[in-house]
Amino acid sequence: MLKMAEAVGGDLLVTPMKATTVQVPYDLQDKVQKLAKREKKSTSEYLAEILRNSIELEYDRKTSLFE
């Protein structure tokens, strides 16, 4: 798997800490990398931040409908 990741210019990351993996569609990878670079963050840091923010906003929006 490491050789496959290196062949496509990626990193192989294995961690027992996350229960879910998110894959960035190929056509968005360049955009995500550019956005992360603008914010001086790693791609992983950037994705974790926007994913967390998006989920929290969506959760708050949907749960407030039932209160």
N, C-alpha and C. Protein backbone atom coordinates (compact mmCIF):
# COMPACT_ATOMS: atom_id res chain seq x y z
N MET A 1 0.82 -1.19 0.00
CA MET A 1 0.00 0.00 0.00
C MET A 1 0.87 1.26 0.00
N LEU A 2 1.98 1.20 0.71
CA LEU A 2 2.88 2.35 0.74
C LEU A 2 3.38 2.68 -0.66
N LYS A 3 3.77 1.66 -1.42
CA LYS A 3 4.27 1.89 -2.77
C LYS A 3 3.18 2.47 -3.67
N MET A 4 1.94 2.03 -3.49
CA MET A 4 0.84 2.59 -4.28
C MET A 4 0.61 4.05 -3.93
N ALA A 5 0.64 4.38 -2.66
CA ALA A 5 0.45 5.76 -2.23
C ALA A 5 1.56 6.64 -2.79
N GLU A 6 2.79 6.18 -2.70
CA GLU A 6 3.91 6.96 -3.22
C GLU A 6 3.83 7.11 -4.74
N ALA A 7 3.34 6.10 -5.42
CA ALA A 7 3.25 6.14 -6.89
C ALA A 7 2.29 7.22 -7.37
N VAL A 8 1.30 7.53 -6.58
CA VAL A 8 0.35 8.57 -6.98
C VAL A 8 0.60 9.89 -6.23
N GLY A 9 1.77 9.99 -5.59
CA GLY A 9 2.14 11.23 -4.93
C GLY A 9 1.46 11.47 -3.60
N GLY A 10 0.97 10.42 -2.98
CA GLY A 10 0.26 10.58 -1.71
C GLY A 10 1.03 10.01 -0.54
N ASP A 11 0.43 10.11 0.62
CA ASP A 11 1.01 9.56 1.84
C ASP A 11 0.12 8.43 2.34
N LEU A 12 0.71 7.44 2.92
CA LEU A 12 -0.05 6.37 3.56
C LEU A 12 -0.08 6.68 5.04
N LEU A 13 -1.27 6.92 5.56
CA LEU A 13 -1.43 7.22 6.96
C LEU A 13 -2.28 6.14 7.61
N VAL A 14 -1.78 5.59 8.68
CA VAL A 14 -2.51 4.57 9.42
C VAL A 14 -2.62 5.05 10.85
N THR A 15 -3.85 5.13 11.33
CA THR A 15 -4.04 5.58 12.70
C THR A 15 -5.20 4.83 13.34
N PRO A 16 -5.05 4.43 14.58
CA PRO A 16 -6.13 3.75 15.27
C PRO A 16 -7.12 4.74 15.90
N MET A 17 -6.89 6.03 15.73
CA MET A 17 -7.67 7.03 16.44
C MET A 17 -8.95 7.47 15.73
N LYS A 18 -9.09 7.20 14.47
CA LYS A 18 -10.26 7.66 13.73
C LYS A 18 -11.08 6.46 13.29
N ALA A 19 -12.38 6.56 13.48
CA ALA A 19 -13.26 5.45 13.13
C ALA A 19 -13.78 5.55 11.71
N THR A 20 -13.62 6.70 11.08
CA THR A 20 -14.15 6.91 9.75
C THR A 20 -13.09 7.56 8.88
N THR A 21 -13.06 7.16 7.64
CA THR A 21 -12.13 7.75 6.68
C THR A 21 -12.93 8.50 5.64
N VAL A 22 -12.44 9.67 5.27
CA VAL A 22 -13.08 10.47 4.24
C VAL A 22 -12.11 10.57 3.07
N GLN A 23 -12.62 10.31 1.88
CA GLN A 23 -11.79 10.44 0.69
C GLN A 23 -12.20 11.68 -0.08
N VAL A 24 -11.21 12.46 -0.44
CA VAL A 24 -11.47 13.65 -1.26
C VAL A 24 -11.52 13.18 -2.71
N PRO A 25 -12.61 13.50 -3.41
CA PRO A 25 -12.68 13.11 -4.82
C PRO A 25 -11.48 13.66 -5.60
N TYR A 26 -11.03 12.90 -6.55
CA TYR A 26 -9.83 13.25 -7.30
C TYR A 26 -9.90 14.66 -7.88
N ASP A 27 -11.07 15.04 -8.40
CA ASP A 27 -11.19 16.35 -9.05
C ASP A 27 -11.14 17.52 -8.06
N LEU A 28 -11.23 17.24 -6.77
CA LEU A 28 -11.17 18.30 -5.76
C LEU A 28 -9.84 18.35 -5.00
N GLN A 29 -9.00 17.37 -5.19
CA GLN A 29 -7.77 17.28 -4.40
C GLN A 29 -6.87 18.49 -4.59
N ASP A 30 -6.71 18.96 -5.82
CA ASP A 30 -5.86 20.12 -6.07
C ASP A 30 -6.41 21.36 -5.37
N LYS A 31 -7.73 21.53 -5.42
CA LYS A 31 -8.37 22.67 -4.78
C LYS A 31 -8.17 22.63 -3.27
N VAL A 32 -8.34 21.46 -2.69
CA VAL A 32 -8.18 21.31 -1.24
C VAL A 32 -6.74 21.63 -0.84
N GLN A 33 -5.79 21.14 -1.61
CA GLN A 33 -4.38 21.40 -1.30
C GLN A 33 -4.06 22.89 -1.39
N LYS A 34 -4.61 23.57 -2.39
CA LYS A 34 -4.38 25.02 -2.53
C LYS A 34 -5.01 25.80 -1.39
N LEU A 35 -6.22 25.42 -1.00
CA LEU A 35 -6.89 26.10 0.11
C LEU A 35 -6.12 25.90 1.41
N ALA A 36 -5.64 24.69 1.65
CA ALA A 36 -4.87 24.40 2.85
C ALA A 36 -3.58 25.21 2.87
N LYS A 37 -2.93 25.27 1.73
CA LYS A 37 -1.67 26.02 1.64
C LYS A 37 -1.89 27.50 1.93
N ARG A 38 -3.00 28.06 1.42
CA ARG A 38 -3.30 29.48 1.68
C ARG A 38 -3.47 29.76 3.17
N GLU A 39 -3.99 28.77 3.89
CA GLU A 39 -4.21 28.94 5.33
C GLU A 39 -3.02 28.45 6.15
N LYS A 40 -1.96 28.07 5.46
CA LYS A 40 -0.73 27.58 6.10
C LYS A 40 -1.01 26.39 7.02
N LYS A 41 -1.81 25.46 6.48
CA LYS A 41 -2.16 24.24 7.22
C LYS A 41 -1.84 23.04 6.34
N SER A 42 -1.69 21.90 6.98
CA SER A 42 -1.56 20.68 6.20
C SER A 42 -2.94 20.36 5.62
N THR A 43 -2.94 19.55 4.61
CA THR A 43 -4.22 19.16 4.00
C THR A 43 -5.10 18.47 5.04
N SER A 44 -4.51 17.63 5.86
CA SER A 44 -5.28 16.92 6.89
C SER A 44 -5.88 17.89 7.90
N GLU A 45 -5.08 18.87 8.34
CA GLU A 45 -5.59 19.87 9.29
C GLU A 45 -6.74 20.66 8.69
N TYR A 46 -6.55 21.08 7.44
CA TYR A 46 -7.58 21.87 6.76
C TYR A 46 -8.87 21.07 6.63
N LEU A 47 -8.75 19.83 6.17
CA LEU A 47 -9.95 19.00 5.99
C LEU A 47 -10.64 18.72 7.32
N ALA A 48 -9.87 18.45 8.36
CA ALA A 48 -10.47 18.19 9.67
C ALA A 48 -11.25 19.41 10.15
N GLU A 49 -10.68 20.60 9.93
CA GLU A 49 -11.34 21.82 10.37
C GLU A 49 -12.63 22.09 9.59
N ILE A 50 -12.58 22.00 8.27
CA ILE A 50 -13.79 22.32 7.51
C ILE A 50 -14.86 21.24 7.68
N LEU A 51 -14.42 20.01 7.86
CA LEU A 51 -15.39 18.94 8.08
C LEU A 51 -16.09 19.12 9.43
N ARG A 52 -15.31 19.42 10.46
CA ARG A 52 -15.88 19.65 11.79
C ARG A 52 -16.86 20.82 11.77
N ASN A 53 -16.43 21.94 11.17
CA ASN A 53 -17.29 23.13 11.11
C ASN A 53 -18.58 22.84 10.35
N SER A 54 -18.45 22.18 9.24
CA SER A 54 -19.62 21.88 8.41
C SER A 54 -20.61 20.96 9.15
N ILE A 55 -20.09 19.93 9.79
CA ILE A 55 -20.96 18.99 10.51
C ILE A 55 -21.63 19.69 11.68
N GLU A 56 -20.89 20.50 12.43
CA GLU A 56 -21.48 21.20 13.57
C GLU A 56 -22.58 22.17 13.12
N LEU A 57 -22.33 22.90 12.03
CA LEU A 57 -23.34 23.82 11.52
C LEU A 57 -24.59 23.08 11.05
N GLU A 58 -24.39 21.99 10.33
CA GLU A 58 -25.52 21.21 9.83
C GLU A 58 -26.30 20.58 10.98
N TYR A 59 -25.59 20.07 11.97
CA TYR A 59 -26.23 19.47 13.13
C TYR A 59 -27.07 20.50 13.88
N ASP A 60 -26.46 21.66 14.12
CA ASP A 60 -27.18 22.73 14.83
C ASP A 60 -28.41 23.16 14.05
N ARG A 61 -28.27 23.29 12.75
CA ARG A 61 -29.39 23.71 11.90
C ARG A 61 -30.53 22.70 11.94
N LYS A 62 -30.19 21.43 11.83
CA LYS A 62 -31.24 20.40 11.79
C LYS A 62 -31.85 20.11 13.15
N THR A 63 -31.03 20.14 14.20
CA THR A 63 -31.59 19.85 15.52
C THR A 63 -32.42 21.01 16.05
N SER A 64 -32.12 22.23 15.61
CA SER A 64 -32.92 23.37 16.08
C SER A 64 -34.33 23.33 15.51
N LEU A 65 -34.54 22.60 14.45
CA LEU A 65 -35.87 22.45 13.87
C LEU A 65 -36.81 21.67 14.79
N PHE A 66 -36.23 20.83 15.66
CA PHE A 66 -37.04 19.97 16.50
C PHE A 66 -37.14 20.46 17.94
N GLU A 67 -36.59 21.60 18.24
CA GLU A 67 -36.65 22.11 19.62
C GLU A 67 -37.85 23.00 19.83
